[in-house]
Structure formats: structure tokens, C-alpha cells
């Protein structure tokens, strides 16, 4: 399927990222300075790993249908896109919408979804090559999404966790807006973890130190492994931990398979950071993170033994220390988790946008979103009141260097 805007830009929907030249995709995926380490989850290697290892397929309910924009035969923009046959792995929950459709005998699935599978991390969605007419491309892409949904008789279009700039563009074009909440850590120029804790009220600071002391008393060693230092043996341990933790929590072995982790290890080692807890030199827990030049992204966790505060140490405190040492400005540890507040993670807004084909359902959903937005704003304010910082140390969160997609 293709949509043409005058004679300059043409939209094509593709069934696999492998239909695109890797060099052209990578040239468009660069966000910010070309010398920076780029946002990991729109990189060719990451999305290709999901596809070639069978994680995103029609069988798993994630059928790739990426939107690409060409000019004179060259890729100038793209939007990761999927035909979605369920709502698992999205972290923007629309199960109640699907149930309402079902009660009225209307099909909700498949739907058209722009997001990063199993990755509730805000970042670039529509990526446009530098020097191209971004406003014109954005307008064409929005029209093409709706046109695609109408031609395929889909119920809806959803864009999850876009950056604010693209979110506002989608909202202005008529897509409904939804607000969510996550908890992120922001670096205020700290010299050390103790410097960071110095901004806490006394009781809150003591609680964190007690938690870290408790982990020390288990006689564990925490090591940070990066890139190719994460060898095959560590990957074997990590995947075992990952599966074990998912089985206990969800009754299945996780959405991602071992082949996926091996693929990203090969495709993008320079963007991987693994915090590993050792007991008598044997790994017993690990947290896998991705990174770019600005942010650490906490993604996957698992353990062999559940010890007091080991999760907090491996997934949060080690990540904070890493950001301070590396000069990263933000730590995105993943979705949900009010327990992060007392550990210095600030509540922030996240966004999604939604086009609903059925006019009656759109009206009902818009009403729901209005009420939900008011509740989300109140919730964020309540969470801010629980932050552990001294009053004089509460400062605005550092904004990323670019909000643009």
C-alpha cells in the first residue's frame, strides 16, 4: 500500500524491516548529533532482532507493518508499526475498550499500533532524516495511518509513548490524547551516590542506606558488565533468571526468547549494560539495561534467589550510580512502580494518541480519557508530595536535549 504526496514523498507500508536497506534506516534513526549513541529502540538491530527471532510475527500477535517514507528512491522517514491482534506487551491498557466492543458485537482486533514491542519507553516514533520537510512528512504520515486503517477495516490506530512534540502534532491532527505516569530519575549534577542521598530528608536517606547495607550483609558482589564483556555464560544465566522470574510472576516464560537476547548482544553490544549480583562468584541475579548518550533504560530483570532489597539494589541503585559515573542525565527504569518514589524517582507524564473509527465508541472513549486525565494529574501531584527530597533540594527535572521526533 502506498500514498503519494505531490511528487516528493511517498509512503509505503512494509511487512518486515528487512525490506529496508540497513544503512538507509540507520541514517534516518539518528536523533540528535551523529556522534551520540542513539535511542536504542528504533535502531535497525533492535527491531530486526525482534522479527528474525520470532518475537514479532503474526503468530505472536505482532505483525510488522512499518510505515516508511521515500523521496526519489531514498528512505527519509519511518514509523515502527504493527498490526496488533491482542493488547499484551503494550503497557497502555485498552482491555476495557476491547471488552466494550465485544459486548456490542463489534470487532476491536486487529488494530494498528505504533510502539516498541514490550518496551514502555518514551522516545522517537516518527523519525525524519535531517534536512527533510518534517512538517509535510508528519502531515502525510498522519493521513496515511488513518487511510491504512480505513482500507484494512481496522477499529483504531494507536501511537504509544511518543515524545511530547509528536504527541502534540497527533493531538492537533485530531487523534485523542491519553496521559499516563512513570517514575524517572534525573541527574542534577551529582558527584556520587552519597551526594544524591544528601538531597534526601534524614529518615528517607537512612532507609536507603539500610536497604543497601542489607544487601551487603548477604555477602554479595555487584558487578557492572558492558558490551562484549557480557559473555555467553552471562547471557545463559541472565535468560534463566528472566524466565524464572516471569514464570513466578505471570505463569509463562516471558515474551522474549533466548535468541532475541543473543541477537541484540550481537547487533548492538555498545548499548547494553548488565548489573549482575554474584554470590561466591556465581551469578544469582541480573538486570539488563540499554543506554544512549543521555539516558539509561532499565528493561529486564531476573533472579535465582530472592533476597531482601536485591531487586532495588540491582535494578535501581546500581543504575543511579552508573548514571552518575557516566554523566547520564536520566534513568528510565521501566513502567509502573510507586515503590520508586521513596528512592528518588520523580513522577512524570507519558502520552499516547488514539484514532477510533467508530463514532459512538470514539465519543465514549474521549469522555473516559478526559476523566482519566484529571485523575492522572491528581495522582502525579500526590506522588510528588511523597518524594524523599528536602524542600530546598527539589529542583525541576532535567529535560532531554531534544524533544523532537
Protein backbone atom coordinates (compact mmCIF):
# COMPACT_ATOMS: atom_id res chain seq x y z
CA UNK A 1 0.00 0.00 0.00
CA UNK A 2 1.30 3.49 -0.80
CA UNK A 3 0.12 7.07 -0.51
CA UNK A 4 1.72 9.85 -2.56
CA UNK A 5 2.03 13.49 -1.55
CA UNK A 6 2.57 15.68 -4.63
CA UNK A 7 5.63 14.16 -6.27
CA UNK A 8 8.17 14.44 -3.48
CA UNK A 9 7.23 11.96 -0.75
CA UNK A 10 5.72 8.51 -0.98
CA UNK A 11 4.52 6.36 1.93
CA UNK A 12 5.00 2.60 1.80
CA UNK A 13 3.90 0.01 4.36
CA UNK A 14 6.28 -2.93 4.65
CA UNK A 15 5.92 -6.37 6.27
CA UNK A 16 9.47 -6.56 7.57
CA UNK A 17 12.27 -4.19 8.46
CA UNK A 18 14.49 -6.40 6.31
CA UNK A 19 12.74 -4.87 3.28
CA UNK A 20 14.70 -1.68 4.02
CA UNK A 21 18.41 -1.13 3.49
CA UNK A 22 20.09 -1.11 6.89
CA UNK A 23 22.26 1.90 6.03
CA UNK A 24 19.28 3.97 4.94
CA UNK A 25 17.30 3.03 8.07
CA UNK A 26 20.25 3.82 10.33
CA UNK A 27 20.76 7.20 8.68
CA UNK A 28 17.16 8.14 9.50
CA UNK A 29 17.28 6.66 13.02
CA UNK A 30 19.93 9.17 14.11
CA UNK A 31 18.32 11.51 16.61
CA UNK A 32 20.46 14.45 17.72
CA UNK A 33 24.17 14.61 16.98
CA UNK A 34 25.53 11.84 14.77
CA UNK A 35 28.35 11.40 17.30
CA UNK A 36 25.92 10.46 20.04
CA UNK A 37 24.82 6.96 20.97
CA UNK A 38 21.29 6.94 19.61
CA UNK A 39 17.94 5.99 21.22
CA UNK A 40 18.22 2.20 21.11
CA UNK A 41 14.69 1.01 20.44
CA UNK A 42 14.21 2.40 16.92
CA UNK A 43 17.58 1.11 15.75
CA UNK A 44 17.61 -1.41 12.92
CA UNK A 45 19.38 -4.03 15.02
CA UNK A 46 16.82 -3.95 17.82
CA UNK A 47 13.73 -4.13 15.62
CA UNK A 48 15.31 -6.69 13.32
CA UNK A 49 16.19 -8.87 16.31
CA UNK A 50 12.53 -8.90 17.35
CA UNK A 51 11.48 -10.03 13.88
CA UNK A 52 14.09 -12.62 12.94
CA UNK A 53 13.83 -14.41 16.30
CA UNK A 54 10.06 -14.80 16.01
CA UNK A 55 9.08 -12.34 18.75
CA UNK A 56 7.09 -10.04 16.43
CA UNK A 57 5.13 -12.15 13.98
CA UNK A 58 1.51 -12.73 13.04
CA UNK A 59 1.60 -15.82 15.26
CA UNK A 60 2.59 -13.80 18.34
CA UNK A 61 0.02 -11.09 17.55
CA UNK A 62 2.62 -8.51 16.44
CA UNK A 63 2.60 -8.42 12.65
CA UNK A 64 5.11 -5.84 11.36
CA UNK A 65 3.53 -3.22 9.11
CA UNK A 66 6.14 -0.47 9.34
CA UNK A 67 5.42 2.87 7.70
CA UNK A 68 8.25 4.18 5.54
CA UNK A 69 8.57 7.43 3.58
CA UNK A 70 10.69 7.69 0.45
CA UNK A 71 11.86 10.58 -1.65
CA UNK A 72 13.46 9.85 -5.03
CA UNK A 73 14.02 6.24 -4.01
CA UNK A 74 15.73 7.07 -0.71
CA UNK A 75 14.30 6.42 2.76
CA UNK A 76 13.71 9.75 4.52
CA UNK A 77 11.38 8.78 7.38
CA UNK A 78 9.88 5.80 9.18
CA UNK A 79 7.43 4.91 11.92
CA UNK A 80 7.64 1.49 13.64
CA UNK A 81 4.19 0.00 13.15
CA UNK A 82 2.35 -3.26 13.79
CA UNK A 83 -0.96 -4.91 13.11
CA UNK A 84 -1.90 -5.98 16.62
CA UNK A 85 -4.21 -8.89 17.38
CA UNK A 86 -4.33 -8.50 21.19
CA UNK A 87 -3.22 -5.94 23.78
CA UNK A 88 -0.40 -7.78 25.53
CA UNK A 89 3.00 -6.16 25.89
CA UNK A 90 1.86 -2.56 25.34
CA UNK A 91 1.68 -1.00 28.85
CA UNK A 92 -1.05 1.42 27.75
CA UNK A 93 -4.05 -0.60 28.75
CA UNK A 94 -7.09 -0.71 26.49
CA UNK A 95 -8.55 -4.05 27.60
CA UNK A 96 -11.74 -2.35 28.76
CA UNK A 97 -12.16 -0.78 25.31
CA UNK A 98 -11.83 -4.20 23.68
CA UNK A 99 -14.35 -5.67 26.12
CA UNK A 100 -16.84 -2.89 25.37
CA UNK A 101 -16.51 -3.60 21.65
CA UNK A 102 -17.05 -7.31 22.28
CA UNK A 103 -20.18 -6.69 24.36
CA UNK A 104 -21.66 -4.75 21.45
CA UNK A 105 -20.68 -7.32 18.84
CA UNK A 106 -18.04 -5.10 17.22
CA UNK A 107 -14.51 -6.28 16.33
CA UNK A 108 -11.72 -4.42 18.12
CA UNK A 109 -8.81 -6.51 16.83
CA UNK A 110 -6.75 -6.19 14.77
CA UNK A 111 -5.74 -2.63 15.41
CA UNK A 112 -2.86 -0.52 14.06
CA UNK A 113 -0.20 0.17 16.65
CA UNK A 114 2.94 2.32 16.61
CA UNK A 115 5.13 1.44 19.56
CA UNK A 116 8.22 -0.52 20.54
CA UNK A 117 7.08 -4.05 21.41
CA UNK A 118 7.27 -4.90 25.11
CA UNK A 119 9.07 -1.60 25.73
CA UNK A 120 7.18 1.14 27.62
CA UNK A 121 9.87 3.71 26.96
CA UNK A 122 9.05 7.16 25.60
CA UNK A 123 11.15 8.19 22.65
CA UNK A 124 11.17 8.88 18.91
CA UNK A 125 8.35 7.27 16.96
CA UNK A 126 8.25 9.17 13.68
CA UNK A 127 11.90 9.53 12.69
CA UNK A 128 12.64 12.01 9.90
CA UNK A 129 16.01 12.42 8.22
CA UNK A 130 17.71 15.72 8.88
CA UNK A 131 17.07 18.28 6.17
CA UNK A 132 13.73 16.89 5.05
CA UNK A 133 10.39 18.74 5.27
CA UNK A 134 9.36 17.38 8.66
CA UNK A 135 6.01 19.18 8.88
CA UNK A 136 4.96 17.95 5.45
CA UNK A 137 6.08 14.40 6.22
CA UNK A 138 4.29 14.41 9.58
CA UNK A 139 1.04 15.51 7.96
CA UNK A 140 1.37 12.85 5.28
CA UNK A 141 2.11 10.15 7.84
CA UNK A 142 -0.93 11.02 9.94
CA UNK A 143 -3.22 10.91 6.89
CA UNK A 144 -1.63 7.65 5.78
CA UNK A 145 -2.21 5.97 9.14
CA UNK A 146 -5.93 6.76 9.02
CA UNK A 147 -6.14 5.79 5.35
CA UNK A 148 -4.44 2.47 6.08
CA UNK A 149 -6.82 1.73 8.96
CA UNK A 150 -9.84 2.55 6.80
CA UNK A 151 -8.64 0.42 3.87
CA UNK A 152 -7.97 -2.57 6.15
CA UNK A 153 -11.23 -2.00 8.10
CA UNK A 154 -9.37 -1.67 11.39
CA UNK A 155 -11.01 -0.42 14.55
CA UNK A 156 -8.32 2.04 15.58
CA UNK A 157 -4.82 3.49 15.38
CA UNK A 158 -2.64 3.90 18.47
CA UNK A 159 0.71 5.64 18.98
CA UNK A 160 2.24 4.76 22.35
CA UNK A 161 4.92 6.62 24.31
CA UNK A 162 5.77 9.27 21.69
CA UNK A 163 7.85 12.26 22.62
CA UNK A 164 5.86 15.35 23.50
CA UNK A 165 6.39 17.14 20.19
CA UNK A 166 4.93 14.31 18.09
CA UNK A 167 2.20 13.71 20.66
CA UNK A 168 1.06 17.32 20.27
CA UNK A 169 1.15 17.05 16.47
CA UNK A 170 -1.05 13.96 16.61
CA UNK A 171 -3.40 15.67 19.01
CA UNK A 172 -3.68 18.71 16.74
CA UNK A 173 -4.47 16.42 13.81
CA UNK A 174 -7.47 15.03 15.65
CA UNK A 175 -6.18 11.96 17.47
CA UNK A 176 -7.36 11.58 21.05
CA UNK A 177 -4.79 12.14 23.79
CA UNK A 178 -4.12 9.90 26.77
CA UNK A 179 -1.90 10.65 29.77
CA UNK A 180 -0.05 8.08 31.86
CA UNK A 181 2.52 8.13 34.65
CA UNK A 182 6.02 6.75 35.05
CA UNK A 183 8.80 7.34 37.55
CA UNK A 184 12.19 8.50 36.27
CA UNK A 185 15.42 9.53 37.97
CA UNK A 186 17.05 12.80 36.93
CA UNK A 187 20.68 13.69 37.43
CA UNK A 188 21.09 17.11 38.97
CA UNK A 189 24.85 17.10 38.52
CA UNK A 190 25.56 14.71 41.40
CA UNK A 191 29.17 13.81 42.16
CA UNK A 192 28.35 10.48 43.79
CA UNK A 193 25.52 8.37 45.15
CA UNK A 194 26.15 9.90 48.58
CA UNK A 195 25.83 13.34 47.02
CA UNK A 196 22.46 12.27 45.61
CA UNK A 197 21.37 10.90 49.00
CA UNK A 198 22.37 14.21 50.54
CA UNK A 199 19.29 15.75 48.93
CA UNK A 200 17.02 13.36 50.90
CA UNK A 201 15.30 14.12 54.17
CA UNK A 202 17.12 12.37 57.01
CA UNK A 203 14.68 9.48 57.57
CA UNK A 204 14.40 8.72 53.85
CA UNK A 205 18.17 8.79 53.47
CA UNK A 206 18.59 6.33 56.34
CA UNK A 207 16.05 3.96 54.78
CA UNK A 208 18.01 3.77 51.52
CA UNK A 209 21.27 3.19 53.36
CA UNK A 210 19.66 0.41 55.41
CA UNK A 211 18.46 -1.27 52.23
CA UNK A 212 21.88 -1.15 50.63
CA UNK A 213 23.51 -2.32 53.88
CA UNK A 214 21.14 -5.29 53.96
CA UNK A 215 22.35 -6.36 50.52
CA UNK A 216 25.97 -6.06 51.68
CA UNK A 217 25.19 -8.36 54.60
CA UNK A 218 24.25 -11.10 52.14
CA UNK A 219 27.93 -11.08 51.13
CA UNK A 220 27.07 -10.36 47.52
CA UNK A 221 29.22 -8.67 44.91
CA UNK A 222 27.54 -6.47 42.31
CA UNK A 223 29.42 -6.05 39.05
CA UNK A 224 28.59 -3.93 36.02
CA UNK A 225 29.21 -5.59 32.66
CA UNK A 226 29.02 -3.73 29.36
CA UNK A 227 29.08 -4.63 25.69
CA UNK A 228 31.18 -7.64 24.77
CA UNK A 229 32.09 -8.10 28.44
CA UNK A 230 28.66 -9.76 28.70
CA UNK A 231 29.83 -13.17 27.55
CA UNK A 232 27.81 -16.25 26.54
CA UNK A 233 27.88 -17.66 30.05
CA UNK A 234 26.40 -14.48 31.49
CA UNK A 235 23.69 -14.48 28.82
CA UNK A 236 22.81 -18.06 29.76
CA UNK A 237 22.48 -17.08 33.41
CA UNK A 238 20.51 -13.96 32.59
CA UNK A 239 17.98 -15.77 30.41
CA UNK A 240 17.48 -18.39 33.12
CA UNK A 241 16.81 -15.63 35.66
CA UNK A 242 14.48 -13.83 33.25
CA UNK A 243 12.41 -16.94 32.57
CA UNK A 244 12.28 -17.99 36.20
CA UNK A 245 11.05 -14.58 37.33
CA UNK A 246 8.39 -14.40 34.60
CA UNK A 247 7.16 -17.91 35.43
CA UNK A 248 6.67 -16.97 39.06
CA UNK A 249 5.03 -13.63 38.29
CA UNK A 250 2.98 -14.38 35.18
CA UNK A 251 2.86 -18.11 34.69
CA UNK A 252 4.82 -18.04 31.44
CA UNK A 253 8.47 -17.80 30.47
CA UNK A 254 8.40 -14.21 29.22
CA UNK A 255 7.62 -12.57 25.90
CA UNK A 256 11.21 -12.65 24.68
CA UNK A 257 13.20 -15.72 23.74
CA UNK A 258 16.85 -16.58 24.19
CA UNK A 259 17.55 -15.99 20.51
CA UNK A 260 16.39 -12.37 20.86
CA UNK A 261 18.86 -11.61 23.63
CA UNK A 262 21.67 -13.24 21.67
CA UNK A 263 20.70 -11.18 18.62
CA UNK A 264 20.79 -7.82 20.43
CA UNK A 265 24.09 -8.83 22.02
CA UNK A 266 25.47 -9.23 18.50
CA UNK A 267 23.69 -6.26 16.88
CA UNK A 268 24.18 -3.52 19.50
CA UNK A 269 26.63 -4.52 22.26
CA UNK A 270 27.74 -0.91 22.80
CA UNK A 271 24.25 -0.06 24.10
CA UNK A 272 23.97 -2.87 26.66
CA UNK A 273 24.69 -2.63 30.39
CA UNK A 274 24.09 -5.57 32.74
CA UNK A 275 24.19 -5.35 36.52
CA UNK A 276 24.96 -8.81 37.93
CA UNK A 277 24.80 -9.94 41.57
CA UNK A 278 27.28 -12.65 42.50
CA UNK A 279 27.25 -14.98 45.47
CA UNK A 280 30.55 -16.81 45.92
CA UNK A 281 31.43 -15.80 42.35
CA UNK A 282 28.22 -17.38 40.96
CA UNK A 283 25.60 -15.10 39.38
CA UNK A 284 22.27 -15.16 41.23
CA UNK A 285 20.52 -12.10 39.75
CA UNK A 286 20.86 -9.69 36.84
CA UNK A 287 19.27 -6.57 35.39
CA UNK A 288 19.69 -5.75 31.70
CA UNK A 289 19.72 -2.10 30.65
CA UNK A 290 20.07 -0.28 27.35
CA UNK A 291 21.66 3.15 27.04
CA UNK A 292 22.17 6.10 24.74
CA UNK A 293 24.22 9.25 25.20
CA UNK A 294 21.68 10.75 27.57
CA UNK A 295 19.68 8.01 29.26
CA UNK A 296 19.88 4.58 30.88
CA UNK A 297 16.85 2.37 30.19
CA UNK A 298 16.15 -0.36 32.71
CA UNK A 299 14.47 -3.19 30.82
CA UNK A 300 14.66 -6.80 32.07
CA UNK A 301 15.30 -8.39 35.44
CA UNK A 302 15.52 -11.86 36.91
CA UNK A 303 16.97 -13.74 39.87
CA UNK A 304 17.80 -17.20 41.16
CA UNK A 305 17.45 -16.27 44.82
CA UNK A 306 15.11 -13.65 46.26
CA UNK A 307 16.98 -11.75 48.92
CA UNK A 308 15.88 -8.64 50.79
CA UNK A 309 16.29 -5.49 48.68
CA UNK A 310 18.34 -7.27 45.99
CA UNK A 311 15.86 -6.12 43.33
CA UNK A 312 16.13 -2.50 44.44
CA UNK A 313 19.92 -2.66 44.54
CA UNK A 314 20.37 -4.31 41.16
CA UNK A 315 17.61 -2.56 39.22
CA UNK A 316 17.62 0.93 40.77
CA UNK A 317 20.57 1.88 42.95
CA UNK A 318 23.17 0.40 40.62
CA UNK A 319 21.51 2.19 37.71
CA UNK A 320 21.61 5.51 39.54
CA UNK A 321 25.29 5.02 40.37
CA UNK A 322 26.02 4.17 36.75
CA UNK A 323 24.29 7.33 35.51
CA UNK A 324 26.23 9.49 37.95
CA UNK A 325 29.57 7.94 36.98
CA UNK A 326 28.84 8.14 33.24
CA UNK A 327 27.28 11.61 33.32
CA UNK A 328 23.89 10.44 32.02
CA UNK A 329 21.06 12.84 32.75
CA UNK A 330 18.17 10.39 33.13
CA UNK A 331 17.34 6.87 34.24
CA UNK A 332 14.13 5.36 32.85
CA UNK A 333 13.70 2.16 34.92
CA UNK A 334 10.51 0.93 33.23
CA UNK A 335 6.78 1.18 33.74
CA UNK A 336 4.78 1.49 36.95
CA UNK A 337 6.15 1.12 40.48
CA UNK A 338 5.18 3.55 43.25
CA UNK A 339 7.97 2.00 45.32
CA UNK A 340 10.36 4.03 43.16
CA UNK A 341 9.17 7.33 44.65
CA UNK A 342 10.87 6.90 48.03
CA UNK A 343 14.08 6.02 46.18
CA UNK A 344 14.25 9.33 44.33
CA UNK A 345 12.35 8.62 41.12
CA UNK A 346 10.13 11.52 40.07
CA UNK A 347 6.62 11.04 38.64
CA UNK A 348 6.33 12.24 35.06
CA UNK A 349 3.65 12.29 32.39
CA UNK A 350 3.75 9.88 29.47
CA UNK A 351 1.49 10.13 26.44
CA UNK A 352 -0.31 8.12 23.82
CA UNK A 353 -2.60 9.05 20.93
CA UNK A 354 -5.63 7.19 19.58
CA UNK A 355 -7.78 7.30 16.45
CA UNK A 356 -11.06 5.47 16.86
CA UNK A 357 -13.03 4.67 13.72
CA UNK A 358 -16.44 4.04 15.31
CA UNK A 359 -18.00 7.46 16.14
CA UNK A 360 -20.02 6.28 19.15
CA UNK A 361 -17.09 4.45 20.68
CA UNK A 362 -14.85 7.45 19.99
CA UNK A 363 -17.23 9.70 21.94
CA UNK A 364 -17.31 7.29 24.86
CA UNK A 365 -13.53 6.82 24.86
CA UNK A 366 -12.91 10.58 24.67
CA UNK A 367 -15.13 11.06 27.71
CA UNK A 368 -13.23 8.34 29.55
CA UNK A 369 -9.87 9.89 28.62
CA UNK A 370 -10.95 13.30 29.91
CA UNK A 371 -11.84 11.84 33.29
CA UNK A 372 -8.72 9.69 33.34
CA UNK A 373 -6.52 12.70 32.53
CA UNK A 374 -7.87 14.61 35.51
CA UNK A 375 -7.23 11.61 37.73
CA UNK A 376 -3.70 11.18 36.37
CA UNK A 377 -2.81 14.78 37.05
CA UNK A 378 -4.07 14.49 40.61
CA UNK A 379 -2.15 11.24 41.05
CA UNK A 380 1.10 12.81 39.84
CA UNK A 381 0.67 15.68 42.27
CA UNK A 382 0.04 13.26 45.14
CA UNK A 383 3.14 11.29 44.18
CA UNK A 384 5.27 14.42 44.15
CA UNK A 385 4.26 15.08 47.73
CA UNK A 386 5.79 11.71 48.67
CA UNK A 387 9.20 12.39 47.15
CA UNK A 388 12.05 11.94 49.66
CA UNK A 389 13.88 15.17 48.88
CA UNK A 390 14.41 18.05 51.27
CA UNK A 391 12.27 21.03 50.33
CA UNK A 392 15.30 23.10 49.37
CA UNK A 393 16.62 20.31 47.12
CA UNK A 394 13.54 19.88 44.95
CA UNK A 395 14.51 21.19 41.52
CA UNK A 396 12.95 20.88 38.08
CA UNK A 397 13.73 17.66 36.25
CA UNK A 398 16.45 18.00 33.62
CA UNK A 399 14.83 17.98 30.20
CA UNK A 400 16.29 15.87 27.43
CA UNK A 401 18.34 17.75 24.89
CA UNK A 402 15.76 17.22 22.17
CA UNK A 403 12.03 16.70 22.28
CA UNK A 404 11.77 16.30 18.56
CA UNK A 405 10.99 13.09 16.76
